[in-house]
């Protein structure tokens, strides 16, 4: 069985999430790439994963049950982000004009609709979410978020569920 320093590994997961959010904010404020509603939801998922990694690192449970709980919680948050990223990737793959534009931004929707309706409306996607403004190695930002969350979720499972503490 794999032996690992759980606290350090969870702290590393937290720092990876900080780096992802740092780049997202750089892309928004320096590169001028305004996030669409699905991008914002992906950011929330990355922040949730990061906060859970941080709590796991600080708490550093000695029991197997505690670390398993953190692993499961981190993986659930990562899976939500993966699902949102996959939806975003699917919307970007549709032919231009085939996905209707929503017409209102997220702030306005939150002012006039209940949160559950806003979440439903955003997850059904909109035309603005189909626009690809940025790529790296031919992959758009939702692809990189999906890949990052798969890696983070896998590492959370290995570190908190499969590995023995050092």
N, C-alpha and C. Protein backbone atom coordinates (compact mmCIF):
# COMPACT_ATOMS: atom_id res chain seq x y z
N UNK A 1 0.84 -1.19 0.00
CA UNK A 1 0.00 0.00 0.00
C UNK A 1 0.88 1.25 0.00
N UNK A 2 0.43 2.27 -0.64
CA UNK A 2 1.14 3.53 -0.78
C UNK A 2 1.19 4.28 0.55
N UNK A 3 2.36 4.80 0.92
CA UNK A 3 2.51 5.62 2.12
C UNK A 3 2.79 7.05 1.68
N UNK A 4 2.06 7.99 2.29
CA UNK A 4 2.15 9.38 1.84
C UNK A 4 1.90 10.33 3.01
N UNK A 5 2.49 11.52 2.94
CA UNK A 5 2.22 12.55 3.93
C UNK A 5 0.92 13.23 3.53
N UNK A 6 -0.16 12.84 4.20
CA UNK A 6 -1.50 13.30 3.83
C UNK A 6 -1.63 14.82 3.95
N UNK A 7 -1.11 15.38 5.02
CA UNK A 7 -1.22 16.84 5.22
C UNK A 7 -0.56 17.59 4.07
N UNK A 8 0.65 17.20 3.71
CA UNK A 8 1.36 17.88 2.62
C UNK A 8 0.64 17.69 1.29
N UNK A 9 0.14 16.50 1.05
CA UNK A 9 -0.55 16.23 -0.21
C UNK A 9 -1.85 17.03 -0.31
N UNK A 10 -2.59 17.13 0.79
CA UNK A 10 -3.81 17.94 0.78
C UNK A 10 -3.48 19.42 0.62
N UNK A 11 -2.40 19.86 1.25
CA UNK A 11 -1.97 21.26 1.09
C UNK A 11 -1.59 21.54 -0.37
N UNK A 12 -0.95 20.56 -1.00
CA UNK A 12 -0.60 20.70 -2.41
C UNK A 12 -1.84 20.80 -3.29
N UNK A 13 -2.88 20.00 -2.97
CA UNK A 13 -4.15 20.10 -3.69
C UNK A 13 -4.76 21.47 -3.54
N UNK A 14 -4.71 22.02 -2.32
CA UNK A 14 -5.21 23.38 -2.08
C UNK A 14 -4.44 24.39 -2.92
N UNK A 15 -3.11 24.28 -2.94
CA UNK A 15 -2.29 25.23 -3.71
C UNK A 15 -2.57 25.12 -5.22
N UNK A 16 -2.86 23.91 -5.69
CA UNK A 16 -3.22 23.75 -7.10
C UNK A 16 -4.52 24.49 -7.41
N UNK A 17 -5.48 24.42 -6.49
CA UNK A 17 -6.75 25.15 -6.68
C UNK A 17 -6.53 26.66 -6.64
N UNK A 18 -5.64 27.11 -5.75
CA UNK A 18 -5.29 28.54 -5.68
C UNK A 18 -4.68 28.97 -7.01
N UNK A 19 -3.79 28.14 -7.57
CA UNK A 19 -3.18 28.47 -8.85
C UNK A 19 -4.23 28.55 -9.96
N UNK A 20 -5.18 27.60 -9.98
CA UNK A 20 -6.24 27.63 -10.99
C UNK A 20 -7.07 28.91 -10.87
N UNK A 21 -7.43 29.26 -9.65
CA UNK A 21 -8.23 30.47 -9.45
C UNK A 21 -7.40 31.72 -9.77
N UNK A 22 -6.12 31.69 -9.44
CA UNK A 22 -5.25 32.82 -9.77
C UNK A 22 -5.20 33.05 -11.27
N UNK A 23 -5.09 31.95 -12.04
CA UNK A 23 -5.06 32.12 -13.48
C UNK A 23 -6.42 32.58 -14.02
N UNK A 24 -7.50 32.08 -13.44
CA UNK A 24 -8.83 32.50 -13.87
C UNK A 24 -9.00 34.01 -13.67
N UNK A 25 -8.54 34.51 -12.53
CA UNK A 25 -8.63 35.95 -12.26
C UNK A 25 -7.69 36.74 -13.16
N UNK A 26 -6.51 36.20 -13.45
CA UNK A 26 -5.59 36.83 -14.39
C UNK A 26 -6.24 36.92 -15.77
N UNK A 27 -6.85 35.81 -16.22
CA UNK A 27 -7.50 35.80 -17.53
C UNK A 27 -8.63 36.82 -17.59
N UNK A 28 -9.34 36.97 -16.48
CA UNK A 28 -10.45 37.91 -16.45
C UNK A 28 -9.97 39.35 -16.40
N UNK A 29 -9.08 39.66 -15.48
CA UNK A 29 -8.73 41.06 -15.22
C UNK A 29 -7.56 41.59 -16.06
N UNK A 30 -6.66 40.72 -16.48
CA UNK A 30 -5.52 41.17 -17.28
C UNK A 30 -5.74 40.90 -18.77
N UNK A 31 -6.19 39.69 -19.08
CA UNK A 31 -6.42 39.35 -20.49
C UNK A 31 -7.76 39.85 -21.00
N UNK A 32 -8.65 40.26 -20.08
CA UNK A 32 -9.95 40.80 -20.47
C UNK A 32 -10.97 39.76 -20.91
N UNK A 33 -10.83 38.52 -20.44
CA UNK A 33 -11.77 37.46 -20.81
C UNK A 33 -12.86 37.39 -19.75
N UNK A 34 -14.03 37.91 -20.08
CA UNK A 34 -15.15 37.91 -19.14
C UNK A 34 -15.69 36.49 -18.99
N UNK A 35 -15.86 36.02 -17.75
CA UNK A 35 -16.37 34.66 -17.56
C UNK A 35 -17.87 34.58 -17.83
N UNK A 36 -18.28 33.51 -18.51
CA UNK A 36 -19.70 33.26 -18.73
C UNK A 36 -20.27 32.59 -17.47
N UNK A 37 -21.59 32.43 -17.38
CA UNK A 37 -22.17 31.80 -16.18
C UNK A 37 -21.61 30.41 -15.89
N UNK A 38 -21.38 29.58 -16.90
CA UNK A 38 -20.82 28.25 -16.65
C UNK A 38 -19.38 28.35 -16.14
N UNK A 39 -18.63 29.35 -16.61
CA UNK A 39 -17.27 29.57 -16.10
C UNK A 39 -17.32 29.90 -14.61
N UNK A 40 -18.28 30.72 -14.22
CA UNK A 40 -18.41 31.09 -12.82
C UNK A 40 -18.74 29.87 -11.97
N UNK A 41 -19.63 29.01 -12.45
CA UNK A 41 -19.96 27.79 -11.71
C UNK A 41 -18.75 26.87 -11.60
N UNK A 42 -17.93 26.81 -12.65
CA UNK A 42 -16.71 26.00 -12.59
C UNK A 42 -15.75 26.57 -11.55
N UNK A 43 -15.68 27.89 -11.47
CA UNK A 43 -14.84 28.53 -10.45
C UNK A 43 -15.32 28.16 -9.05
N UNK A 44 -16.63 28.16 -8.85
CA UNK A 44 -17.18 27.78 -7.55
C UNK A 44 -16.79 26.36 -7.19
N UNK A 45 -16.84 25.46 -8.17
CA UNK A 45 -16.46 24.06 -7.92
C UNK A 45 -14.98 23.96 -7.56
N UNK A 46 -14.12 24.68 -8.28
CA UNK A 46 -12.69 24.67 -7.98
C UNK A 46 -12.44 25.23 -6.58
N UNK A 47 -13.15 26.30 -6.23
CA UNK A 47 -12.99 26.87 -4.88
C UNK A 47 -13.46 25.89 -3.81
N UNK A 48 -14.56 25.18 -4.06
CA UNK A 48 -15.05 24.19 -3.10
C UNK A 48 -14.02 23.07 -2.91
N UNK A 49 -13.45 22.59 -4.01
CA UNK A 49 -12.42 21.56 -3.92
C UNK A 49 -11.23 22.10 -3.12
N UNK A 50 -10.84 23.33 -3.41
CA UNK A 50 -9.70 23.93 -2.70
C UNK A 50 -9.95 24.09 -1.21
N UNK A 51 -11.13 24.56 -0.85
CA UNK A 51 -11.47 24.73 0.57
C UNK A 51 -11.47 23.38 1.28
N UNK A 52 -12.01 22.35 0.63
CA UNK A 52 -12.02 21.01 1.24
C UNK A 52 -10.61 20.46 1.39
N UNK A 53 -9.75 20.67 0.40
CA UNK A 53 -8.35 20.27 0.53
C UNK A 53 -7.70 21.00 1.71
N UNK A 54 -7.97 22.30 1.84
CA UNK A 54 -7.39 23.09 2.93
C UNK A 54 -7.85 22.58 4.29
N UNK A 55 -9.14 22.34 4.42
CA UNK A 55 -9.68 21.82 5.69
C UNK A 55 -9.07 20.46 6.00
N UNK A 56 -8.94 19.60 5.00
CA UNK A 56 -8.33 18.29 5.20
C UNK A 56 -6.87 18.42 5.64
N UNK A 57 -6.16 19.40 5.05
CA UNK A 57 -4.75 19.60 5.42
C UNK A 57 -4.64 20.12 6.85
N UNK A 58 -5.50 21.05 7.22
CA UNK A 58 -5.45 21.61 8.57
C UNK A 58 -5.86 20.57 9.61
N UNK A 59 -6.95 19.89 9.34
CA UNK A 59 -7.48 18.90 10.28
C UNK A 59 -6.57 17.68 10.38
N UNK A 60 -6.09 17.19 9.22
CA UNK A 60 -5.21 16.03 9.14
C UNK A 60 -5.68 14.89 10.05
N UNK A 61 -6.86 14.33 9.75
CA UNK A 61 -7.43 13.31 10.64
C UNK A 61 -6.54 12.08 10.76
N UNK A 62 -6.46 11.57 11.97
CA UNK A 62 -5.63 10.38 12.19
C UNK A 62 -6.39 9.10 11.86
N UNK A 63 -7.72 9.17 11.92
CA UNK A 63 -8.51 7.97 11.65
C UNK A 63 -8.74 7.81 10.15
N UNK A 64 -8.92 6.56 9.76
CA UNK A 64 -9.21 6.28 8.36
C UNK A 64 -10.55 6.84 7.94
N UNK A 65 -11.53 6.85 8.87
CA UNK A 65 -12.87 7.35 8.54
C UNK A 65 -12.84 8.83 8.20
N UNK A 66 -12.05 9.59 8.94
CA UNK A 66 -11.97 11.03 8.70
C UNK A 66 -11.36 11.34 7.35
N UNK A 67 -10.27 10.67 7.02
CA UNK A 67 -9.62 10.94 5.74
C UNK A 67 -10.49 10.45 4.58
N UNK A 68 -11.19 9.33 4.78
CA UNK A 68 -12.10 8.84 3.74
C UNK A 68 -13.21 9.86 3.50
N UNK A 69 -13.72 10.44 4.58
CA UNK A 69 -14.78 11.46 4.44
C UNK A 69 -14.28 12.64 3.63
N UNK A 70 -13.05 13.10 3.91
CA UNK A 70 -12.51 14.21 3.12
C UNK A 70 -12.33 13.81 1.66
N UNK A 71 -11.83 12.61 1.43
CA UNK A 71 -11.65 12.15 0.05
C UNK A 71 -12.96 12.12 -0.71
N UNK A 72 -14.01 11.61 -0.06
CA UNK A 72 -15.33 11.54 -0.70
C UNK A 72 -15.88 12.94 -0.96
N UNK A 73 -15.78 13.83 0.01
CA UNK A 73 -16.29 15.20 -0.16
C UNK A 73 -15.56 15.94 -1.28
N UNK A 74 -14.24 15.81 -1.30
CA UNK A 74 -13.47 16.46 -2.37
C UNK A 74 -13.86 15.88 -3.72
N UNK A 75 -13.99 14.57 -3.78
CA UNK A 75 -14.37 13.94 -5.06
C UNK A 75 -15.77 14.36 -5.50
N UNK A 76 -16.70 14.50 -4.57
CA UNK A 76 -18.05 14.96 -4.95
C UNK A 76 -18.01 16.37 -5.52
N UNK A 77 -17.26 17.26 -4.88
CA UNK A 77 -17.13 18.63 -5.39
C UNK A 77 -16.45 18.62 -6.76
N UNK A 78 -15.43 17.79 -6.92
CA UNK A 78 -14.75 17.69 -8.21
C UNK A 78 -15.69 17.15 -9.28
N UNK A 79 -16.51 16.16 -8.93
CA UNK A 79 -17.45 15.59 -9.90
C UNK A 79 -18.48 16.62 -10.36
N UNK A 80 -18.93 17.47 -9.45
CA UNK A 80 -19.86 18.54 -9.84
C UNK A 80 -19.17 19.47 -10.84
N UNK A 81 -17.94 19.85 -10.55
CA UNK A 81 -17.18 20.71 -11.47
C UNK A 81 -16.93 20.04 -12.80
N UNK A 82 -16.64 18.74 -12.78
CA UNK A 82 -16.42 17.98 -14.01
C UNK A 82 -17.69 17.97 -14.85
N UNK A 83 -18.83 17.76 -14.21
CA UNK A 83 -20.11 17.75 -14.93
C UNK A 83 -20.39 19.12 -15.57
N UNK A 84 -20.12 20.18 -14.83
CA UNK A 84 -20.34 21.54 -15.37
C UNK A 84 -19.39 21.79 -16.53
N UNK A 85 -18.12 21.40 -16.37
CA UNK A 85 -17.15 21.57 -17.46
C UNK A 85 -17.55 20.77 -18.69
N UNK A 86 -18.01 19.54 -18.48
CA UNK A 86 -18.43 18.70 -19.60
C UNK A 86 -19.61 19.35 -20.33
N UNK A 87 -20.53 19.89 -19.59
CA UNK A 87 -21.68 20.59 -20.22
C UNK A 87 -21.18 21.78 -21.03
N UNK A 88 -20.24 22.52 -20.48
CA UNK A 88 -19.68 23.69 -21.15
C UNK A 88 -18.96 23.27 -22.44
N UNK A 89 -18.20 22.19 -22.36
CA UNK A 89 -17.51 21.67 -23.55
C UNK A 89 -18.52 21.25 -24.61
N UNK A 90 -19.60 20.61 -24.19
CA UNK A 90 -20.64 20.18 -25.13
C UNK A 90 -21.25 21.40 -25.82
N UNK A 91 -21.54 22.44 -25.06
CA UNK A 91 -22.12 23.66 -25.64
C UNK A 91 -21.15 24.28 -26.65
N UNK A 92 -19.86 24.30 -26.30
CA UNK A 92 -18.87 24.86 -27.22
C UNK A 92 -18.74 24.04 -28.50
N UNK A 93 -19.08 22.76 -28.45
CA UNK A 93 -18.96 21.89 -29.62
C UNK A 93 -20.14 22.03 -30.57
N UNK A 94 -21.20 22.70 -30.15
CA UNK A 94 -22.38 22.86 -31.00
C UNK A 94 -22.11 23.88 -32.10
N UNK A 95 -22.77 23.74 -33.24
CA UNK A 95 -22.59 24.72 -34.31
C UNK A 95 -23.04 26.11 -33.85
N UNK A 96 -22.37 27.16 -34.33
CA UNK A 96 -22.74 28.52 -33.94
C UNK A 96 -24.22 28.79 -34.24
N UNK A 97 -24.91 29.39 -33.29
CA UNK A 97 -26.31 29.73 -33.45
C UNK A 97 -27.28 28.65 -33.05
N UNK A 98 -26.79 27.44 -32.76
CA UNK A 98 -27.70 26.36 -32.39
C UNK A 98 -28.06 26.36 -30.91
N UNK A 99 -27.31 27.11 -30.11
CA UNK A 99 -27.62 27.25 -28.68
C UNK A 99 -28.10 28.68 -28.48
N UNK A 100 -29.32 28.82 -27.94
CA UNK A 100 -29.92 30.14 -27.78
C UNK A 100 -29.16 30.98 -26.77
N UNK A 101 -29.05 32.26 -27.04
CA UNK A 101 -28.44 33.18 -26.09
C UNK A 101 -29.40 33.44 -24.94
N UNK A 102 -28.83 33.60 -23.75
CA UNK A 102 -29.71 33.77 -22.58
C UNK A 102 -30.20 35.20 -22.46
N UNK A 103 -29.45 36.16 -22.93
CA UNK A 103 -29.90 37.54 -22.93
C UNK A 103 -29.66 38.31 -21.64
N UNK A 104 -29.53 37.64 -20.51
CA UNK A 104 -29.31 38.33 -19.23
C UNK A 104 -28.07 37.75 -18.56
N UNK A 105 -27.33 38.64 -17.86
CA UNK A 105 -26.15 38.13 -17.18
C UNK A 105 -26.51 37.51 -15.83
N UNK A 106 -25.56 36.85 -15.22
CA UNK A 106 -25.79 36.09 -14.00
C UNK A 106 -26.26 36.98 -12.85
N UNK A 107 -25.67 38.15 -12.70
CA UNK A 107 -26.08 39.06 -11.62
C UNK A 107 -27.56 39.43 -11.72
N UNK A 108 -28.00 39.74 -12.93
CA UNK A 108 -29.40 40.11 -13.13
C UNK A 108 -30.32 38.93 -12.84
N UNK A 109 -29.93 37.75 -13.32
CA UNK A 109 -30.75 36.56 -13.06
C UNK A 109 -30.89 36.30 -11.57
N UNK A 110 -29.79 36.47 -10.82
CA UNK A 110 -29.84 36.26 -9.37
C UNK A 110 -30.75 37.26 -8.67
N UNK A 111 -30.88 38.46 -9.25
CA UNK A 111 -31.75 39.48 -8.66
C UNK A 111 -33.23 39.17 -8.87
N UNK A 112 -33.57 38.59 -10.02
CA UNK A 112 -34.99 38.44 -10.35
C UNK A 112 -35.55 37.03 -10.17
N UNK A 113 -34.67 36.02 -10.09
CA UNK A 113 -35.14 34.64 -10.02
C UNK A 113 -34.65 33.96 -8.75
N UNK A 114 -35.37 32.94 -8.30
CA UNK A 114 -34.86 32.12 -7.19
C UNK A 114 -33.57 31.40 -7.62
N UNK A 115 -32.71 31.11 -6.66
CA UNK A 115 -31.42 30.50 -6.96
C UNK A 115 -31.56 29.18 -7.73
N UNK A 116 -32.56 28.38 -7.38
CA UNK A 116 -32.73 27.10 -8.08
C UNK A 116 -33.04 27.30 -9.56
N UNK A 117 -33.84 28.31 -9.88
CA UNK A 117 -34.13 28.61 -11.28
C UNK A 117 -32.90 29.13 -12.01
N UNK A 118 -32.10 29.94 -11.33
CA UNK A 118 -30.87 30.48 -11.93
C UNK A 118 -29.93 29.32 -12.26
N UNK A 119 -29.76 28.40 -11.31
CA UNK A 119 -28.88 27.25 -11.54
C UNK A 119 -29.39 26.43 -12.72
N UNK A 120 -30.69 26.18 -12.77
CA UNK A 120 -31.27 25.43 -13.88
C UNK A 120 -31.05 26.15 -15.21
N UNK A 121 -31.28 27.46 -15.22
CA UNK A 121 -31.12 28.25 -16.44
C UNK A 121 -29.67 28.25 -16.92
N UNK A 122 -28.74 28.40 -15.99
CA UNK A 122 -27.33 28.43 -16.36
C UNK A 122 -26.87 27.07 -16.88
N UNK A 123 -27.28 26.01 -16.21
CA UNK A 123 -26.83 24.67 -16.61
C UNK A 123 -27.43 24.23 -17.94
N UNK A 124 -28.53 24.83 -18.36
CA UNK A 124 -29.04 24.52 -19.69
C UNK A 124 -28.20 25.20 -20.75
N UNK A 125 -27.36 26.13 -20.32
CA UNK A 125 -26.39 26.76 -21.21
C UNK A 125 -26.97 27.91 -22.00
N UNK A 126 -26.07 28.67 -22.60
CA UNK A 126 -26.50 29.78 -23.42
C UNK A 126 -25.47 30.00 -24.52
N UNK A 127 -25.84 30.83 -25.45
CA UNK A 127 -24.95 31.12 -26.58
C UNK A 127 -23.63 31.72 -26.15
N UNK A 128 -23.66 32.56 -25.11
CA UNK A 128 -22.41 33.18 -24.67
C UNK A 128 -21.43 32.14 -24.12
N UNK A 129 -21.94 31.02 -23.62
CA UNK A 129 -21.08 29.95 -23.11
C UNK A 129 -20.45 29.14 -24.23
N UNK A 130 -20.95 29.30 -25.45
CA UNK A 130 -20.43 28.56 -26.58
C UNK A 130 -19.23 29.21 -27.24
N UNK A 131 -18.93 30.43 -26.85
CA UNK A 131 -17.82 31.17 -27.45
C UNK A 131 -16.49 30.70 -26.86
N UNK A 132 -15.52 30.41 -27.73
CA UNK A 132 -14.19 30.01 -27.28
C UNK A 132 -13.25 31.20 -27.48
N UNK A 133 -12.84 31.82 -26.36
CA UNK A 133 -11.97 33.00 -26.40
C UNK A 133 -10.50 32.66 -26.19
N UNK A 134 -10.23 31.49 -25.64
CA UNK A 134 -8.88 31.16 -25.19
C UNK A 134 -8.63 29.67 -25.40
N UNK A 135 -7.47 29.32 -25.88
CA UNK A 135 -7.08 27.91 -25.99
C UNK A 135 -5.61 27.76 -25.61
N UNK A 136 -5.28 26.57 -25.17
CA UNK A 136 -3.90 26.18 -24.91
C UNK A 136 -3.76 24.76 -25.43
N UNK A 137 -2.82 24.55 -26.32
CA UNK A 137 -2.63 23.24 -26.96
C UNK A 137 -3.91 22.73 -27.61
N UNK A 138 -4.69 23.67 -28.14
CA UNK A 138 -5.92 23.31 -28.85
C UNK A 138 -7.13 23.04 -27.96
N UNK A 139 -6.98 23.17 -26.65
CA UNK A 139 -8.08 22.91 -25.72
C UNK A 139 -8.55 24.21 -25.08
N UNK A 140 -9.87 24.36 -25.00
CA UNK A 140 -10.45 25.56 -24.39
C UNK A 140 -10.34 25.48 -22.87
N UNK A 141 -10.64 26.60 -22.21
CA UNK A 141 -10.53 26.65 -20.75
C UNK A 141 -11.40 25.61 -20.05
N UNK A 142 -12.65 25.36 -20.48
CA UNK A 142 -13.43 24.30 -19.81
C UNK A 142 -12.76 22.93 -19.88
N UNK A 143 -12.05 22.64 -20.98
CA UNK A 143 -11.31 21.38 -21.07
C UNK A 143 -10.23 21.32 -20.00
N UNK A 144 -9.50 22.43 -19.81
CA UNK A 144 -8.43 22.46 -18.82
C UNK A 144 -8.99 22.37 -17.40
N UNK A 145 -10.15 22.97 -17.17
CA UNK A 145 -10.78 22.84 -15.85
C UNK A 145 -11.18 21.39 -15.62
N UNK A 146 -11.77 20.76 -16.63
CA UNK A 146 -12.17 19.36 -16.51
C UNK A 146 -10.95 18.48 -16.21
N UNK A 147 -9.88 18.64 -16.97
CA UNK A 147 -8.66 17.86 -16.75
C UNK A 147 -8.11 18.10 -15.35
N UNK A 148 -8.07 19.36 -14.94
CA UNK A 148 -7.56 19.71 -13.61
C UNK A 148 -8.39 19.06 -12.51
N UNK A 149 -9.71 19.10 -12.65
CA UNK A 149 -10.58 18.51 -11.63
C UNK A 149 -10.49 16.99 -11.61
N UNK A 150 -10.28 16.37 -12.76
CA UNK A 150 -10.06 14.92 -12.79
C UNK A 150 -8.78 14.58 -12.02
N UNK A 151 -7.72 15.34 -12.29
CA UNK A 151 -6.44 15.10 -11.59
C UNK A 151 -6.59 15.36 -10.10
N UNK A 152 -7.24 16.45 -9.73
CA UNK A 152 -7.42 16.78 -8.30
C UNK A 152 -8.30 15.75 -7.61
N UNK A 153 -9.38 15.33 -8.25
CA UNK A 153 -10.26 14.32 -7.66
C UNK A 153 -9.56 12.99 -7.50
N UNK A 154 -8.78 12.61 -8.50
CA UNK A 154 -8.03 11.36 -8.43
C UNK A 154 -6.99 11.42 -7.31
N UNK A 155 -6.29 12.55 -7.22
CA UNK A 155 -5.29 12.68 -6.16
C UNK A 155 -5.94 12.68 -4.78
N UNK A 156 -7.13 13.28 -4.66
CA UNK A 156 -7.84 13.27 -3.37
C UNK A 156 -8.20 11.84 -2.98
N UNK A 157 -8.62 11.04 -3.95
CA UNK A 157 -8.96 9.65 -3.66
C UNK A 157 -7.72 8.86 -3.26
N UNK A 158 -6.63 9.07 -3.97
CA UNK A 158 -5.39 8.35 -3.65
C UNK A 158 -4.87 8.75 -2.28
N UNK A 159 -4.81 10.05 -2.03
CA UNK A 159 -4.22 10.58 -0.80
C UNK A 159 -5.09 10.28 0.42
N UNK A 160 -6.39 10.47 0.29
CA UNK A 160 -7.26 10.39 1.47
C UNK A 160 -7.97 9.05 1.64
N UNK A 161 -8.05 8.27 0.58
CA UNK A 161 -8.78 7.01 0.68
C UNK A 161 -7.84 5.81 0.55
N UNK A 162 -6.99 5.81 -0.47
CA UNK A 162 -6.18 4.63 -0.76
C UNK A 162 -4.87 4.55 0.03
N UNK A 163 -4.25 5.69 0.30
CA UNK A 163 -2.90 5.69 0.90
C UNK A 163 -2.96 5.59 2.43
N UNK A 164 -1.91 4.99 2.98
CA UNK A 164 -1.73 5.00 4.43
C UNK A 164 -1.00 6.26 4.80
N UNK A 165 -1.31 6.86 5.95
CA UNK A 165 -0.59 8.07 6.35
C UNK A 165 0.87 7.77 6.70
N UNK A 166 1.71 8.73 6.46
CA UNK A 166 3.13 8.59 6.77
C UNK A 166 3.41 9.06 8.17
